[in-house]
Protein backbone atom coordinates (compact mmCIF):
# COMPACT_ATOMS: atom_id res chain seq x y z
CA MET A 1 178.04 150.28 293.55
CA THR A 2 174.99 149.14 291.67
CA PRO A 3 175.98 147.61 288.30
CA LEU A 4 174.88 149.47 285.19
CA PHE A 5 173.83 147.87 281.92
CA PRO A 6 173.05 149.20 278.45
CA PHE A 7 169.43 149.92 277.63
CA ARG A 8 169.15 148.30 274.22
CA ARG A 9 167.39 145.54 272.35
CA SER A 10 169.62 142.85 270.84
CA THR A 11 170.22 142.47 267.11
CA PRO A 12 172.10 139.62 265.38
CA ASP A 13 175.18 141.48 264.11
CA ALA A 14 175.63 144.38 266.50
CA ALA A 15 175.52 145.40 270.12
CA PRO A 16 172.05 145.34 271.71
CA ALA A 17 169.78 148.22 270.68
CA ILE A 18 166.36 149.56 271.56
CA ALA A 19 164.88 148.23 268.35
CA PRO A 20 166.12 146.98 264.97
CA MET A 21 167.81 149.98 263.38
CA ALA A 22 166.18 149.23 260.01
CA VAL A 23 162.87 150.33 261.49
CA THR A 24 162.15 154.06 261.48
CA PRO A 25 160.86 155.33 264.84
CA MET A 26 157.65 157.29 265.11
CA ALA A 27 159.65 160.13 266.71
CA MET A 28 158.39 163.55 267.67
CA THR A 29 157.04 165.50 264.69
CA PHE A 30 157.20 169.28 264.90
CA ILE A 31 154.83 171.36 262.78
CA GLY A 32 155.92 174.63 261.21
CA GLY A 33 159.41 174.03 259.90
CA ALA A 34 162.64 173.18 261.64
CA PRO A 35 162.46 173.54 265.44
CA SER A 36 165.31 175.12 267.35
CA LEU A 37 167.78 172.73 268.94
CA ALA A 38 166.79 174.16 272.33
CA VAL A 39 163.18 173.09 271.73
CA VAL A 40 164.28 169.62 270.61
CA LEU A 41 166.55 169.20 273.63
CA ASN A 42 163.81 170.31 276.03
CA THR A 43 161.42 167.83 274.40
CA LEU A 44 163.99 165.04 274.72
CA LEU A 45 164.62 165.79 278.41
CA ALA A 46 160.89 166.05 279.12
CA VAL A 47 160.40 162.52 277.78
CA LEU A 48 163.17 161.18 280.03
CA GLN A 49 161.87 163.17 283.01
CA GLY A 50 158.50 161.48 282.56
CA HIS A 51 160.12 158.07 283.12
CA ILE A 52 161.73 158.88 286.46
CA PRO A 53 159.86 157.01 289.23
CA SER A 54 158.19 159.47 291.57
CA VAL A 55 158.95 159.43 295.31
CA GLY A 56 157.24 161.20 298.14
CA GLY A 57 158.50 162.74 301.32
CA SER A 58 160.82 165.67 301.80
CA LEU A 59 163.59 164.52 299.48
CA PRO A 60 164.68 166.84 296.65
CA PRO A 61 162.94 165.99 293.36
CA ALA A 62 164.79 163.71 290.95
CA GLY A 63 165.76 165.30 287.65
CA VAL A 64 167.59 164.86 284.39
CA SER A 65 169.88 167.24 282.50
CA ALA A 66 172.05 167.17 279.40
CA VAL A 67 175.77 166.76 280.09
CA SER A 68 176.84 166.86 276.44
CA VAL A 69 174.96 167.26 273.14
CA GLN A 70 176.03 167.10 269.49
CA GLU A 71 173.93 167.62 266.39
CA ARG A 72 173.88 164.80 263.84
CA THR A 73 172.42 164.86 260.32
CA LEU A 74 169.62 162.59 259.15
CA GLY A 75 169.87 161.22 255.62
CA LEU A 76 170.94 163.63 252.87
CA GLY A 77 170.41 167.22 253.94
CA ASN A 78 168.11 166.06 256.77
CA GLN A 79 165.48 165.03 254.19
CA ARG A 80 163.40 161.92 254.85
CA GLY A 81 161.15 162.17 251.76
CA SER A 82 157.90 163.87 250.80
CA GLU A 83 154.26 163.32 251.59
CA ARG A 84 150.99 163.92 249.80
CA ARG A 85 148.20 165.74 251.60
CA GLY A 86 144.80 165.35 250.02
CA ASN A 87 146.35 164.35 246.67
CA PHE A 88 148.71 167.35 246.79
CA ALA A 89 152.46 166.69 246.98
CA ALA A 90 153.10 169.69 249.19
CA VAL A 91 155.01 168.52 252.28
CA VAL A 92 158.75 167.85 252.53
CA LEU A 93 159.56 165.46 255.38
CA LYS A 94 162.75 166.32 257.24
CA GLY A 95 164.38 165.53 260.53
CA GLY A 96 167.52 165.61 262.60
CA ARG A 97 169.35 163.82 265.37
CA LEU A 98 170.94 164.74 268.68
CA GLN A 99 173.66 162.62 270.26
CA GLY A 100 174.88 163.13 273.78
CA THR A 101 174.77 162.19 277.43
CA ALA A 102 171.90 162.71 279.86
CA ARG A 103 172.48 162.70 283.61
CA PHE A 104 169.79 161.53 286.04
CA GLU A 105 170.07 162.81 289.61
CA LEU A 106 168.39 160.63 292.26
CA TRP A 107 167.97 161.06 296.02
CA GLY A 108 167.44 158.80 299.02
CA SER A 109 167.38 159.00 302.81
CA THR A 110 170.09 156.33 303.03
CA PRO A 111 172.76 154.94 300.68
CA THR A 112 170.71 151.78 300.25
CA GLU A 113 167.58 153.75 299.39
CA VAL A 114 169.31 155.81 296.70
CA ASP A 115 170.89 152.61 295.27
CA ASN A 116 167.44 151.05 295.09
CA ARG A 117 166.13 154.07 293.22
CA VAL A 118 168.94 153.78 290.69
CA ASN A 119 167.96 150.15 290.12
CA LEU A 120 164.30 151.13 289.85
CA LEU A 121 165.07 153.82 287.26
CA GLN A 122 166.99 151.36 285.10
CA GLY A 123 164.17 148.86 285.33
CA VAL A 124 161.61 151.48 284.31
CA LEU A 125 163.71 152.55 281.33
CA LEU A 126 164.17 148.96 280.21
CA ALA A 127 160.44 148.28 280.45
CA ALA A 128 159.73 151.45 278.46
CA ARG A 129 162.11 150.64 275.60
CA ASP A 130 159.29 150.42 273.02
CA THR A 131 157.73 153.67 274.20
CA LEU A 132 161.07 155.46 274.13
CA TRP A 133 161.84 154.09 270.67
CA SER A 134 158.52 155.46 269.43
CA ALA A 135 159.38 158.79 271.02
CA GLY A 136 162.58 158.99 268.96
CA PHE A 137 165.30 157.36 271.08
CA LEU A 138 167.35 155.22 268.71
CA LYS A 139 169.79 154.48 271.51
CA LEU A 140 169.73 154.87 275.28
CA ALA A 141 172.54 153.11 277.14
CA ALA A 142 173.80 153.41 280.72
CA ALA A 143 177.31 154.87 280.69
CA GLY A 144 178.30 155.22 284.35
CA ALA A 145 177.22 156.33 287.77
CA SER A 146 178.60 158.14 290.76
CA SER A 147 178.93 156.72 294.25
CA ALA A 148 176.38 157.77 296.81
CA GLU A 149 177.29 161.03 298.52
CA HIS A 150 175.75 162.64 301.56
CA LEU A 151 174.73 166.29 301.35
CA GLN A 152 173.90 168.47 304.34
CA PRO A 153 171.53 170.17 303.77
CA PRO A 154 169.20 168.58 302.77
CA ASN A 155 170.48 165.63 304.88
CA ALA A 156 170.04 163.16 301.99
CA TRP A 157 172.08 160.85 299.78
CA ARG A 158 172.53 161.57 296.10
CA ARG A 159 173.65 159.54 293.08
CA SER A 160 173.86 160.51 289.45
CA VAL A 161 173.49 158.09 286.53
CA ASP A 162 174.66 158.91 283.00
CA TYR A 163 172.99 157.57 279.85
CA THR A 164 174.25 158.09 276.32
CA PHE A 165 171.52 158.71 273.78
CA LEU A 166 170.90 159.06 270.07
CA TYR A 167 167.63 160.91 269.54
CA GLU A 168 165.79 161.48 266.26
CA TYR A 169 163.11 164.09 265.65
CA HIS A 170 160.97 164.86 262.62
CA TYR A 171 159.45 167.99 261.16
CA GLN A 172 157.52 169.09 258.10
CA ASP A 173 158.59 171.81 255.72
CA SER A 174 157.19 173.47 252.62
CA ASP A 175 160.82 174.07 251.54
CA GLY A 176 160.13 177.79 251.21
CA ALA A 177 157.20 177.36 248.82
CA GLU A 178 154.69 180.21 248.93
CA SER A 179 151.96 178.33 247.05
CA LEU A 180 151.21 175.37 244.82
CA LEU A 181 151.57 175.54 241.05
CA ALA A 182 147.93 175.63 239.96
CA ARG A 183 148.19 177.19 236.49
CA ILE A 184 150.93 178.11 234.03
CA PRO A 185 150.28 181.08 231.71
CA ILE A 186 151.79 180.79 228.25
CA HIS A 187 152.46 183.78 225.97
CA SER A 188 154.07 183.74 222.55
CA ASP A 189 154.88 186.83 220.46
CA LEU A 190 156.24 185.46 217.23
CA GLU A 191 156.76 188.75 215.36
CA GLU A 192 155.93 191.77 217.53
CA ARG A 193 155.77 192.19 221.31
CA ASN A 194 152.15 192.47 222.58
CA SER A 195 150.82 192.24 219.05
CA PRO A 196 147.10 191.53 218.52
CA VAL A 197 147.96 188.16 216.99
CA ARG A 198 150.07 186.94 219.90
CA GLU A 199 149.25 183.48 221.26
CA THR A 200 148.19 183.03 224.88
CA GLY A 201 147.06 180.11 226.95
CA VAL A 202 146.93 178.60 230.45
CA VAL A 203 147.88 175.09 231.56
CA THR A 204 145.93 173.92 234.64
CA ASP A 205 146.23 170.09 234.77
CA ARG A 206 142.71 169.80 236.25
CA MET A 207 143.60 171.80 239.35
CA ILE A 208 142.39 175.27 240.27
CA ARG A 209 143.11 177.88 242.92
CA TRP A 210 140.41 180.16 244.32
CA ASP A 211 141.42 183.29 246.19
CA ASP A 212 140.57 187.00 246.47
CA LEU A 213 142.04 187.64 243.01
CA THR A 214 140.32 184.99 240.92
CA ALA A 215 138.09 181.93 241.20
CA PRO A 216 138.04 180.14 237.83
CA ALA A 217 135.85 177.12 237.16
CA LEU A 218 137.33 173.65 237.05
CA GLU A 219 135.90 172.34 233.80
CA PHE A 220 136.69 169.48 231.42
CA ALA A 221 134.98 166.98 229.17
CA ALA A 222 135.50 163.46 227.90
CA SER A 223 137.02 162.99 224.46
CA ALA A 224 135.29 161.72 221.34
CA THR A 225 136.98 158.35 221.76
CA ALA A 226 137.25 157.81 225.51
CA SER A 227 134.97 158.25 228.50
CA LEU A 228 136.06 159.64 231.87
CA ARG A 229 135.42 158.56 235.43
CA VAL A 230 136.06 160.98 238.31
CA SER A 231 136.09 159.32 241.71
CA GLY A 232 136.40 162.44 243.84
CA LEU A 233 138.02 165.76 244.68
CA ALA A 234 140.91 166.86 246.84
CA SER A 235 141.14 170.23 248.56
CA LEU A 236 143.80 172.25 250.36
CA ALA A 237 142.32 175.31 251.99
CA THR A 238 143.00 178.14 254.41
CA LEU A 239 139.95 180.21 255.38
CA PRO A 240 139.73 183.23 257.69
CA LEU A 241 137.99 182.59 260.99
CA GLY A 242 134.23 183.07 260.58
CA TRP A 243 134.32 183.46 256.78
CA SER A 244 132.01 181.20 254.72
CA GLY A 245 132.06 182.57 251.17
CA GLN A 246 129.40 182.27 248.51
CA ALA A 247 127.82 179.35 246.66
CA VAL A 248 129.73 176.49 244.98
CA THR A 249 128.17 174.46 242.18
CA LEU A 250 129.16 170.94 241.17
CA ALA A 251 127.68 169.87 237.85
CA ARG A 252 127.64 166.99 235.41
CA LEU A 253 126.31 168.57 232.22
CA ARG A 254 125.35 167.62 228.70
CA ARG A 255 126.23 170.38 226.23
CA SER A 256 123.36 169.52 223.87
CA ALA A 257 120.71 169.52 226.60
CA PRO A 258 118.00 172.09 225.76
CA GLY A 259 117.15 173.34 229.26
CA ALA A 260 118.71 174.18 232.59
CA PRO A 261 120.25 171.34 234.61
CA THR A 262 118.22 169.61 237.30
CA VAL A 263 119.16 170.89 240.77
CA TYR A 264 119.48 168.23 243.46
CA PRO A 265 119.33 168.98 247.19
CA ASP A 266 122.54 167.25 248.28
CA LEU A 267 125.59 165.43 246.96
CA PRO A 268 124.44 161.81 247.57
CA THR A 269 121.15 162.46 245.74
CA PHE A 270 123.02 164.15 242.88
CA LEU A 271 125.48 161.26 242.48
CA ALA A 272 122.72 158.68 242.64
CA ALA A 273 120.75 160.52 239.96
CA VAL A 274 123.61 160.95 237.48
CA SER A 275 124.67 157.32 237.96
CA HIS A 276 121.21 155.72 237.91
CA PRO A 277 121.57 152.39 236.07
CA ALA A 278 118.26 152.65 234.23
CA ALA A 279 117.59 156.37 233.74
CA PRO A 280 120.65 158.53 234.59
CA ASP A 281 120.30 162.30 234.64
CA HIS A 282 123.04 163.58 232.34
CA HIS A 283 122.28 167.25 232.95
CA ALA A 284 122.34 167.87 236.70
CA GLN A 285 123.96 169.89 239.44
CA VAL A 286 124.13 170.31 243.19
CA VAL A 287 124.62 173.71 244.82
CA PHE A 288 126.40 174.19 248.15
CA PRO A 289 125.32 177.45 249.83
CA THR A 290 128.87 178.48 250.81
CA VAL A 291 132.50 177.48 250.39
CA ALA A 292 132.51 176.38 254.02
CA ALA A 293 129.50 174.14 253.44
CA PHE A 294 131.15 172.68 250.35
CA LEU A 295 134.35 171.85 252.24
CA SER A 296 132.38 170.39 255.15
CA ALA A 297 131.37 167.56 252.79
CA PHE A 298 135.05 166.57 252.57
CA SER A 299 136.92 164.30 254.99
CA ASN A 300 140.23 165.15 256.63
CA ALA A 301 143.26 163.84 254.73
CA GLY A 302 146.10 164.21 257.21
CA ALA A 303 147.78 166.89 259.27
CA SER A 304 147.59 170.54 258.29
CA LEU A 305 150.58 172.22 256.67
CA GLU A 306 151.97 175.75 256.58
CA LEU A 307 152.40 177.41 253.21
CA GLY A 308 153.04 181.07 252.37
CA ASP A 309 151.49 184.14 254.00
CA TRP A 310 148.63 185.15 251.72
CA ASP A 311 146.88 187.29 254.33
CA GLU A 312 150.17 189.09 255.09
CA ASP A 313 149.80 188.87 258.86
CA GLY A 314 153.44 187.92 259.40
CA THR A 315 152.79 184.22 260.04
CA LEU A 316 152.57 181.24 257.70
CA ASP A 317 149.06 180.24 256.64
CA LEU A 318 147.76 176.89 257.88
CA TYR A 319 146.23 174.76 255.10
CA GLU A 320 143.90 171.87 255.84
CA PRO A 321 143.96 168.94 253.37
CA LYS A 322 140.70 167.11 252.66
CA THR A 323 139.25 164.61 250.21
CA LEU A 324 135.76 164.02 248.86
CA VAL A 325 134.88 160.61 247.44
CA PHE A 326 132.19 160.31 244.77
CA THR A 327 130.19 157.14 245.47
CA PRO A 328 129.54 156.02 242.82
CA PRO A 329 132.14 157.78 240.63
CA LEU A 330 130.96 160.51 238.30
CA GLN A 331 130.89 159.25 234.70
CA LEU A 332 131.43 161.31 231.52
CA ALA A 333 130.57 159.12 228.55
CA SER A 334 131.26 161.32 225.52
CA ALA A 335 132.61 164.66 224.33
CA ASP A 336 129.11 166.03 224.88
CA ASP A 337 129.45 165.43 228.63
CA LEU A 338 131.03 168.09 230.82
CA PHE A 339 132.30 168.27 234.42
CA ARG A 340 132.16 171.69 236.04
CA LEU A 341 132.99 172.96 239.51
CA SER A 342 132.38 176.69 239.87
CA TYR A 343 132.22 179.49 242.40
CA GLN A 344 129.36 181.98 242.36
CA ALA A 345 131.55 185.11 242.25
CA ALA A 346 134.61 186.08 240.24
CA ALA A 347 136.79 185.93 243.36
CA PHE A 348 136.62 185.61 247.13
CA ASP A 349 135.79 188.67 249.22
CA ALA A 350 138.34 187.69 251.87
CA LYS A 351 141.96 186.56 252.15
CA ALA A 352 141.08 182.91 251.66
CA VAL A 353 142.74 180.30 249.44
CA VAL A 354 141.31 177.00 248.20
CA TYR A 355 143.10 174.55 245.93
CA LEU A 356 140.90 171.95 244.23
CA ARG A 357 141.76 169.07 241.98
CA THR A 358 140.16 165.87 240.76
CA SER A 359 141.24 162.55 242.22
CA GLY A 360 140.95 159.11 240.72
CA PHE A 361 140.76 160.62 237.25
CA ARG A 362 140.59 157.76 234.74
CA PHE A 363 139.85 157.17 231.08
């Protein structure tokens, strides 16, 4: 019988392992919440199947199946942490583990040939230890093998080889969130409910949400004692296929300016004008013809995420995170200086959602 050996990479204080256990594997990341264990198991077996050396001829195809599987938790409640997408802390990182035994079934025309294929398989798996670690295999160790047996039909020799495994997979989750917290309404009735003198207000924290209900402007100014520098914007958006929306205006304004702001043809020209070292234009704006055109000026900021079902089509909406860098940053020198980002209409005319917030906001 061909000797078997564990498929691991050595560490100082423990049995050999694929890689140092302190290092987190890349692992398979599933989008759209927790995958079913059947999907995870099929993914795991597909990875192992891809490492079986191919043979020609009329022999039955080699394969791999799961002999035993147990679910194992990852961290506390399967949570690995959280991740920001386009300056929005909207993604919960989770994962899980499967522990079990996989059985490879190999064929040969003679006992020697099937033994050689067992040796070849083990060599391939050893050589692929880094690839398998990146795919999520924390452990893959040979656990035993059968003797060669002759089957008629197909007039061939078969051997099975068992490997124990510990497999980790990752997925992203919104943790049931339907949306991001963009504004907090505040109402206070001190004496009489709904009285004319009741106090109302909204807290926005320099983030806005545009949708088919409302599209408020993102507007703020520097204080009398401190200037502001805005280095960019972050967006998180889901738009219906083929929908573009109406115009979006980005402005750096001076309240005391007598006339209308200067309109610049594009964002680089606008930023260069308002930041000119000798003669900056403190009352200027740039107009994007549509929401889609505005967002096309942004750069991708990571993988998309699913959040809520605003269009009520029975599936979670896919949001794309993006960032827009202002080079150079947009400067607001005094309380007379105003930043404004506005949409042409009072709301979208489609089931679209766009979150916008400033990034690199500094005094």
